[in-house]
Amino acid sequence: MFFKSYKQDAYLSDAIKNKDVNAVEQNRQTLTEYAKLGHADLRGVKNINEVASLKLAGDKMLRAYESYSQKEA
């Protein structure tokens, strides 16, 4: 759930660096989609040994990806 967003962020960064407008838009939209799907998947994950820190960290990162991808619009 996190890896797809992570990789998509790298693709978006490369597109921005290369000033490829079409690739930026495509990767931005895909990153938004993957981040939203990650949130949905994360809801079903149970805490490990009653510790929620890993789940919370994943949630924060997915929110950051979603926010970043929407700001690039």
PDB file of N, CA and C in Angstrom:
ATOM      1  N   MET A   1       0.811  -1.197   0.000  1.00  0.00           N
ATOM      2  CA  MET A   1       0.000   0.000   0.000  1.00  0.00           C
ATOM      3  C   MET A   1       0.855   1.262   0.000  1.00  0.00           C
ATOM      4  N   PHE A   2       2.015   1.198   0.588  1.00  0.00           N
ATOM      5  CA  PHE A   2       2.888   2.360   0.645  1.00  0.00           C
ATOM      6  C   PHE A   2       3.859   2.398  -0.536  1.00  0.00           C
ATOM      7  N   PHE A   3       4.333   1.249  -0.966  1.00  0.00           N
ATOM      8  CA  PHE A   3       5.376   1.189  -1.992  1.00  0.00           C
ATOM      9  C   PHE A   3       4.936   1.831  -3.303  1.00  0.00           C
ATOM     10  N   LYS A   4       3.694   1.594  -3.717  1.00  0.00           N
ATOM     11  CA  LYS A   4       3.216   2.182  -4.971  1.00  0.00           C
ATOM     12  C   LYS A   4       3.280   3.710  -4.910  1.00  0.00           C
ATOM     13  N   SER A   5       2.861   4.268  -3.795  1.00  0.00           N
ATOM     14  CA  SER A   5       2.898   5.726  -3.639  1.00  0.00           C
ATOM     15  C   SER A   5       4.333   6.232  -3.636  1.00  0.00           C
ATOM     16  N   TYR A   6       5.205   5.512  -2.957  1.00  0.00           N
ATOM     17  CA  TYR A   6       6.618   5.878  -2.883  1.00  0.00           C
ATOM     18  C   TYR A   6       7.241   5.926  -4.281  1.00  0.00           C
ATOM     19  N   LYS A   7       7.022   4.873  -5.064  1.00  0.00           N
ATOM     20  CA  LYS A   7       7.570   4.823  -6.419  1.00  0.00           C
ATOM     21  C   LYS A   7       6.950   5.898  -7.311  1.00  0.00           C
ATOM     22  N   GLN A   8       5.654   6.106  -7.166  1.00  0.00           N
ATOM     23  CA  GLN A   8       4.977   7.105  -7.993  1.00  0.00           C
ATOM     24  C   GLN A   8       5.505   8.495  -7.684  1.00  0.00           C
ATOM     25  N   ASP A   9       5.829   8.758  -6.424  1.00  0.00           N
ATOM     26  CA  ASP A   9       6.422  10.040  -6.052  1.00  0.00           C
ATOM     27  C   ASP A   9       7.766  10.223  -6.752  1.00  0.00           C
ATOM     28  N   ALA A  10       8.545   9.157  -6.847  1.00  0.00           N
ATOM     29  CA  ALA A  10       9.832   9.235  -7.549  1.00  0.00           C
ATOM     30  C   ALA A  10       9.616   9.539  -9.031  1.00  0.00           C
ATOM     31  N   TYR A  11       8.627   8.907  -9.639  1.00  0.00           N
ATOM     32  CA  TYR A  11       8.326   9.175 -11.047  1.00  0.00           C
ATOM     33  C   TYR A  11       7.875  10.623 -11.239  1.00  0.00           C
ATOM     34  N   LEU A  12       7.068  11.116 -10.320  1.00  0.00           N
ATOM     35  CA  LEU A  12       6.604  12.501 -10.396  1.00  0.00           C
ATOM     36  C   LEU A  12       7.777  13.460 -10.257  1.00  0.00           C
ATOM     37  N   SER A  13       8.666  13.186  -9.324  1.00  0.00           N
ATOM     38  CA  SER A  13       9.845  14.040  -9.141  1.00  0.00           C
ATOM     39  C   SER A  13      10.705  14.073 -10.392  1.00  0.00           C
ATOM     40  N   ASP A  14      10.889  12.925 -11.029  1.00  0.00           N
ATOM     41  CA  ASP A  14      11.666  12.871 -12.275  1.00  0.00           C
ATOM     42  C   ASP A  14      10.991  13.679 -13.376  1.00  0.00           C
ATOM     43  N   ALA A  15       9.676  13.570 -13.471  1.00  0.00           N
ATOM     44  CA  ALA A  15       8.941  14.308 -14.504  1.00  0.00           C
ATOM     45  C   ALA A  15       9.065  15.814 -14.279  1.00  0.00           C
ATOM     46  N   ILE A  16       9.014  16.229 -13.031  1.00  0.00           N
ATOM     47  CA  ILE A  16       9.166  17.653 -12.710  1.00  0.00           C
ATOM     48  C   ILE A  16      10.574  18.113 -13.062  1.00  0.00           C
ATOM     49  N   LYS A  17      11.557  17.300 -12.689  1.00  0.00           N
ATOM     50  CA  LYS A  17      12.953  17.630 -12.975  1.00  0.00           C
ATOM     51  C   LYS A  17      13.194  17.743 -14.478  1.00  0.00           C
ATOM     52  N   ASN A  18      12.556  16.878 -15.252  1.00  0.00           N
ATOM     53  CA  ASN A  18      12.720  16.875 -16.709  1.00  0.00           C
ATOM     54  C   ASN A  18      11.789  17.850 -17.426  1.00  0.00           C
ATOM     55  N   LYS A  19      10.953  18.538 -16.661  1.00  0.00           N
ATOM     56  CA  LYS A  19      10.005  19.528 -17.187  1.00  0.00           C
ATOM     57  C   LYS A  19       9.094  18.939 -18.263  1.00  0.00           C
ATOM     58  N   ASP A  20       8.660  17.709 -18.021  1.00  0.00           N
ATOM     59  CA  ASP A  20       7.751  17.002 -18.931  1.00  0.00           C
ATOM     60  C   ASP A  20       6.324  17.180 -18.409  1.00  0.00           C
ATOM     61  N   VAL A  21       5.624  18.146 -18.959  1.00  0.00           N
ATOM     62  CA  VAL A  21       4.310  18.532 -18.461  1.00  0.00           C
ATOM     63  C   VAL A  21       3.315  17.367 -18.506  1.00  0.00           C
ATOM     64  N   ASN A  22       3.307  16.619 -19.592  1.00  0.00           N
ATOM     65  CA  ASN A  22       2.374  15.495 -19.701  1.00  0.00           C
ATOM     66  C   ASN A  22       2.663  14.428 -18.652  1.00  0.00           C
ATOM     67  N   ALA A  23       3.926  14.107 -18.455  1.00  0.00           N
ATOM     68  CA  ALA A  23       4.301  13.105 -17.450  1.00  0.00           C
ATOM     69  C   ALA A  23       4.004  13.603 -16.043  1.00  0.00           C
ATOM     70  N   VAL A  24       4.193  14.890 -15.800  1.00  0.00           N
ATOM     71  CA  VAL A  24       3.878  15.455 -14.485  1.00  0.00           C
ATOM     72  C   VAL A  24       2.405  15.250 -14.179  1.00  0.00           C
ATOM     73  N   GLU A  25       1.556  15.591 -15.110  1.00  0.00           N
ATOM     74  CA  GLU A  25       0.110  15.465 -14.880  1.00  0.00           C
ATOM     75  C   GLU A  25      -0.294  14.014 -14.684  1.00  0.00           C
ATOM     76  N   GLN A  26       0.208  13.133 -15.507  1.00  0.00           N
ATOM     77  CA  GLN A  26      -0.133  11.719 -15.392  1.00  0.00           C
ATOM     78  C   GLN A  26       0.342  11.154 -14.052  1.00  0.00           C
ATOM     79  N   ASN A  27       1.572  11.432 -13.684  1.00  0.00           N
ATOM     80  CA  ASN A  27       2.114  10.908 -12.429  1.00  0.00           C
ATOM     81  C   ASN A  27       1.470  11.550 -11.213  1.00  0.00           C
ATOM     82  N   ARG A  28       1.091  12.802 -11.321  1.00  0.00           N
ATOM     83  CA  ARG A  28       0.410  13.484 -10.224  1.00  0.00           C
ATOM     84  C   ARG A  28      -0.929  12.828  -9.943  1.00  0.00           C
ATOM     85  N   GLN A  29      -1.689  12.580 -11.008  1.00  0.00           N
ATOM     86  CA  GLN A  29      -2.993  11.942 -10.840  1.00  0.00           C
ATOM     87  C   GLN A  29      -2.863  10.529 -10.284  1.00  0.00           C
ATOM     88  N   THR A  30      -1.876   9.799 -10.759  1.00  0.00           N
ATOM     89  CA  THR A  30      -1.665   8.433 -10.285  1.00  0.00           C
ATOM     90  C   THR A  30      -1.226   8.435  -8.828  1.00  0.00           C
ATOM     91  N   LEU A  31      -0.387   9.372  -8.434  1.00  0.00           N
ATOM     92  CA  LEU A  31       0.041   9.460  -7.040  1.00  0.00           C
ATOM     93  C   LEU A  31      -1.148   9.752  -6.130  1.00  0.00           C
ATOM     94  N   THR A  32      -2.017  10.641  -6.540  1.00  0.00           N
ATOM     95  CA  THR A  32      -3.218  10.928  -5.757  1.00  0.00           C
ATOM     96  C   THR A  32      -4.059   9.668  -5.592  1.00  0.00           C
ATOM     97  N   GLU A  33      -4.244   8.937  -6.676  1.00  0.00           N
ATOM     98  CA  GLU A  33      -5.035   7.703  -6.646  1.00  0.00           C
ATOM     99  C   GLU A  33      -4.398   6.669  -5.718  1.00  0.00           C
ATOM    100  N   TYR A  34      -3.100   6.452  -5.856  1.00  0.00           N
ATOM    101  CA  TYR A  34      -2.418   5.458  -5.018  1.00  0.00           C
ATOM    102  C   TYR A  34      -2.456   5.840  -3.542  1.00  0.00           C
ATOM    103  N   ALA A  35      -2.310   7.118  -3.241  1.00  0.00           N
ATOM    104  CA  ALA A  35      -2.357   7.562  -1.843  1.00  0.00           C
ATOM    105  C   ALA A  35      -3.745   7.310  -1.250  1.00  0.00           C
ATOM    106  N   LYS A  36      -4.777   7.583  -2.020  1.00  0.00           N
ATOM    107  CA  LYS A  36      -6.144   7.337  -1.539  1.00  0.00           C
ATOM    108  C   LYS A  36      -6.394   5.846  -1.343  1.00  0.00           C
ATOM    109  N   LEU A  37      -5.917   5.027  -2.278  1.00  0.00           N
ATOM    110  CA  LEU A  37      -6.067   3.578  -2.135  1.00  0.00           C
ATOM    111  C   LEU A  37      -5.282   3.068  -0.929  1.00  0.00           C
ATOM    112  N   GLY A  38      -4.122   3.642  -0.695  1.00  0.00           N
ATOM    113  CA  GLY A  38      -3.322   3.266   0.469  1.00  0.00           C
ATOM    114  C   GLY A  38      -4.036   3.554   1.764  1.00  0.00           C
ATOM    115  N   HIS A  39      -4.719   4.706   1.828  1.00  0.00           N
ATOM    116  CA  HIS A  39      -5.509   5.036   3.020  1.00  0.00           C
ATOM    117  C   HIS A  39      -6.595   3.995   3.255  1.00  0.00           C
ATOM    118  N   ALA A  40      -7.270   3.613   2.205  1.00  0.00           N
ATOM    119  CA  ALA A  40      -8.338   2.621   2.323  1.00  0.00           C
ATOM    120  C   ALA A  40      -7.771   1.279   2.803  1.00  0.00           C
ATOM    121  N   ASP A  41      -6.640   0.877   2.250  1.00  0.00           N
ATOM    122  CA  ASP A  41      -6.012  -0.381   2.662  1.00  0.00           C
ATOM    123  C   ASP A  41      -5.522  -0.313   4.104  1.00  0.00           C
ATOM    124  N   LEU A  42      -5.000   0.833   4.502  1.00  0.00           N
ATOM    125  CA  LEU A  42      -4.436   0.998   5.838  1.00  0.00           C
ATOM    126  C   LEU A  42      -5.501   0.875   6.925  1.00  0.00           C
ATOM    127  N   ARG A  43      -6.715   1.250   6.603  1.00  0.00           N
ATOM    128  CA  ARG A  43      -7.796   1.144   7.596  1.00  0.00           C
ATOM    129  C   ARG A  43      -7.998  -0.294   8.060  1.00  0.00           C
ATOM    130  N   GLY A  44      -7.741  -1.251   7.188  1.00  0.00           N
ATOM    131  CA  GLY A  44      -7.942  -2.645   7.521  1.00  0.00           C
ATOM    132  C   GLY A  44      -6.778  -3.300   8.242  1.00  0.00           C
ATOM    133  N   VAL A  45      -5.678  -2.574   8.417  1.00  0.00           N
ATOM    134  CA  VAL A  45      -4.493  -3.132   9.057  1.00  0.00           C
ATOM    135  C   VAL A  45      -4.608  -2.978  10.569  1.00  0.00           C
ATOM    136  N   LYS A  46      -4.337  -4.071  11.271  1.00  0.00           N
ATOM    137  CA  LYS A  46      -4.364  -4.034  12.733  1.00  0.00           C
ATOM    138  C   LYS A  46      -3.010  -3.570  13.246  1.00  0.00           C
ATOM    139  N   ASN A  47      -3.028  -2.983  14.434  1.00  0.00           N
ATOM    140  CA  ASN A  47      -1.782  -2.573  15.070  1.00  0.00           C
ATOM    141  C   ASN A  47      -0.980  -3.811  15.461  1.00  0.00           C
ATOM    142  N   ILE A  48       0.328  -3.715  15.399  1.00  0.00           N
ATOM    143  CA  ILE A  48       1.197  -4.820  15.773  1.00  0.00           C
ATOM    144  C   ILE A  48       1.531  -4.687  17.252  1.00  0.00           C
ATOM    145  N   ASN A  49       1.196  -5.704  18.029  1.00  0.00           N
ATOM    146  CA  ASN A  49       1.458  -5.710  19.479  1.00  0.00           C
ATOM    147  C   ASN A  49       0.922  -4.458  20.165  1.00  0.00           C
ATOM    148  N   GLU A  50      -0.248  -4.037  19.724  1.00  0.00           N
ATOM    149  CA  GLU A  50      -0.922  -2.862  20.304  1.00  0.00           C
ATOM    150  C   GLU A  50      -0.145  -1.557  20.094  1.00  0.00           C
ATOM    151  N   VAL A  51       0.802  -1.551  19.176  1.00  0.00           N
ATOM    152  CA  VAL A  51       1.579  -0.346  18.881  1.00  0.00           C
ATOM    153  C   VAL A  51       1.101   0.204  17.543  1.00  0.00           C
ATOM    154  N   ALA A  52       0.647   1.431  17.567  1.00  0.00           N
ATOM    155  CA  ALA A  52       0.068   2.034  16.369  1.00  0.00           C
ATOM    156  C   ALA A  52       1.051   2.943  15.632  1.00  0.00           C
ATOM    157  N   SER A  53       2.283   3.053  16.105  1.00  0.00           N
ATOM    158  CA  SER A  53       3.207   4.043  15.529  1.00  0.00           C
ATOM    159  C   SER A  53       3.509   3.791  14.051  1.00  0.00           C
ATOM    160  N   LEU A  54       3.689   2.534  13.654  1.00  0.00           N
ATOM    161  CA  LEU A  54       3.978   2.253  12.245  1.00  0.00           C
ATOM    162  C   LEU A  54       2.775   2.589  11.363  1.00  0.00           C
ATOM    163  N   LYS A  55       1.605   2.241  11.832  1.00  0.00           N
ATOM    164  CA  LYS A  55       0.385   2.551  11.086  1.00  0.00           C
ATOM    165  C   LYS A  55       0.193   4.066  10.980  1.00  0.00           C
ATOM    166  N   LEU A  56       0.453   4.778  12.069  1.00  0.00           N
ATOM    167  CA  LEU A  56       0.328   6.239  12.058  1.00  0.00           C
ATOM    168  C   LEU A  56       1.351   6.879  11.118  1.00  0.00           C
ATOM    169  N   ALA A  57       2.569   6.351  11.111  1.00  0.00           N
ATOM    170  CA  ALA A  57       3.605   6.885  10.224  1.00  0.00           C
ATOM    171  C   ALA A  57       3.212   6.680   8.762  1.00  0.00           C
ATOM    172  N   GLY A  58       2.686   5.515   8.448  1.00  0.00           N
ATOM    173  CA  GLY A  58       2.227   5.251   7.084  1.00  0.00           C
ATOM    174  C   GLY A  58       1.107   6.177   6.684  1.00  0.00           C
ATOM    175  N   ASP A  59       0.186   6.408   7.603  1.00  0.00           N
ATOM    176  CA  ASP A  59      -0.936   7.304   7.340  1.00  0.00           C
ATOM    177  C   ASP A  59      -0.447   8.729   7.071  1.00  0.00           C
ATOM    178  N   LYS A  60       0.501   9.187   7.867  1.00  0.00           N
ATOM    179  CA  LYS A  60       1.037  10.543   7.675  1.00  0.00           C
ATOM    180  C   LYS A  60       1.734  10.677   6.318  1.00  0.00           C
ATOM    181  N   MET A  61       2.488   9.646   5.944  1.00  0.00           N
ATOM    182  CA  MET A  61       3.201   9.705   4.665  1.00  0.00           C
ATOM    183  C   MET A  61       2.226   9.685   3.502  1.00  0.00           C
ATOM    184  N   LEU A  62       1.205   8.854   3.578  1.00  0.00           N
ATOM    185  CA  LEU A  62       0.214   8.805   2.505  1.00  0.00           C
ATOM    186  C   LEU A  62      -0.535  10.131   2.401  1.00  0.00           C
ATOM    187  N   ARG A  63      -0.826  10.747   3.537  1.00  0.00           N
ATOM    188  CA  ARG A  63      -1.471  12.072   3.517  1.00  0.00           C
ATOM    189  C   ARG A  63      -0.549  13.111   2.876  1.00  0.00           C
ATOM    190  N   ALA A  64       0.737  13.019   3.182  1.00  0.00           N
ATOM    191  CA  ALA A  64       1.702  13.956   2.601  1.00  0.00           C
ATOM    192  C   ALA A  64       1.774  13.781   1.089  1.00  0.00           C
ATOM    193  N   TYR A  65       1.802  12.533   0.621  1.00  0.00           N
ATOM    194  CA  TYR A  65       1.817  12.282  -0.820  1.00  0.00           C
ATOM    195  C   TYR A  65       0.560  12.840  -1.485  1.00  0.00           C
ATOM    196  N   GLU A  66      -0.576  12.605  -0.850  1.00  0.00           N
ATOM    197  CA  GLU A  66      -1.838  13.088  -1.425  1.00  0.00           C
ATOM    198  C   GLU A  66      -1.853  14.622  -1.485  1.00  0.00           C
ATOM    199  N   SER A  67      -1.421  15.247  -0.410  1.00  0.00           N
ATOM    200  CA  SER A  67      -1.381  16.711  -0.375  1.00  0.00           C
ATOM    201  C   SER A  67      -0.407  17.263  -1.411  1.00  0.00           C
ATOM    202  N   TYR A  68       0.766  16.664  -1.496  1.00  0.00           N
ATOM    203  CA  TYR A  68       1.780  17.095  -2.462  1.00  0.00           C
ATOM    204  C   TYR A  68       1.283  16.969  -3.893  1.00  0.00           C
ATOM    205  N   SER A  69       0.645  15.850  -4.186  1.00  0.00           N
ATOM    206  CA  SER A  69       0.191  15.625  -5.566  1.00  0.00           C
ATOM    207  C   SER A  69      -0.939  16.588  -5.941  1.00  0.00           C
ATOM    208  N   GLN A  70      -1.720  17.007  -4.992  1.00  0.00           N
ATOM    209  CA  GLN A  70      -2.800  17.932  -5.286  1.00  0.00           C
ATOM    210  C   GLN A  70      -2.287  19.360  -5.414  1.00  0.00           C
ATOM    211  N   LYS A  71      -1.206  19.693  -4.740  1.00  0.00           N
ATOM    212  CA  LYS A  71      -0.618  21.031  -4.842  1.00  0.00           C
ATOM    213  C   LYS A  71       0.074  21.260  -6.175  1.00  0.00           C
ATOM    214  N   GLU A  72       0.487  20.170  -6.820  1.00  0.00           N
ATOM    215  CA  GLU A  72       1.184  20.283  -8.102  1.00  0.00           C
ATOM    216  C   GLU A  72       0.230  20.618  -9.238  1.00  0.00           C
ATOM    217  N   ALA A  73      -1.073  20.571  -8.982  1.00  0.00           N
ATOM    218  CA  ALA A  73      -2.069  20.816 -10.034  1.00  0.00           C
ATOM    219  C   ALA A  73      -2.002  22.238 -10.540  1.00  0.00           C
TER     220      ALA A  73
END
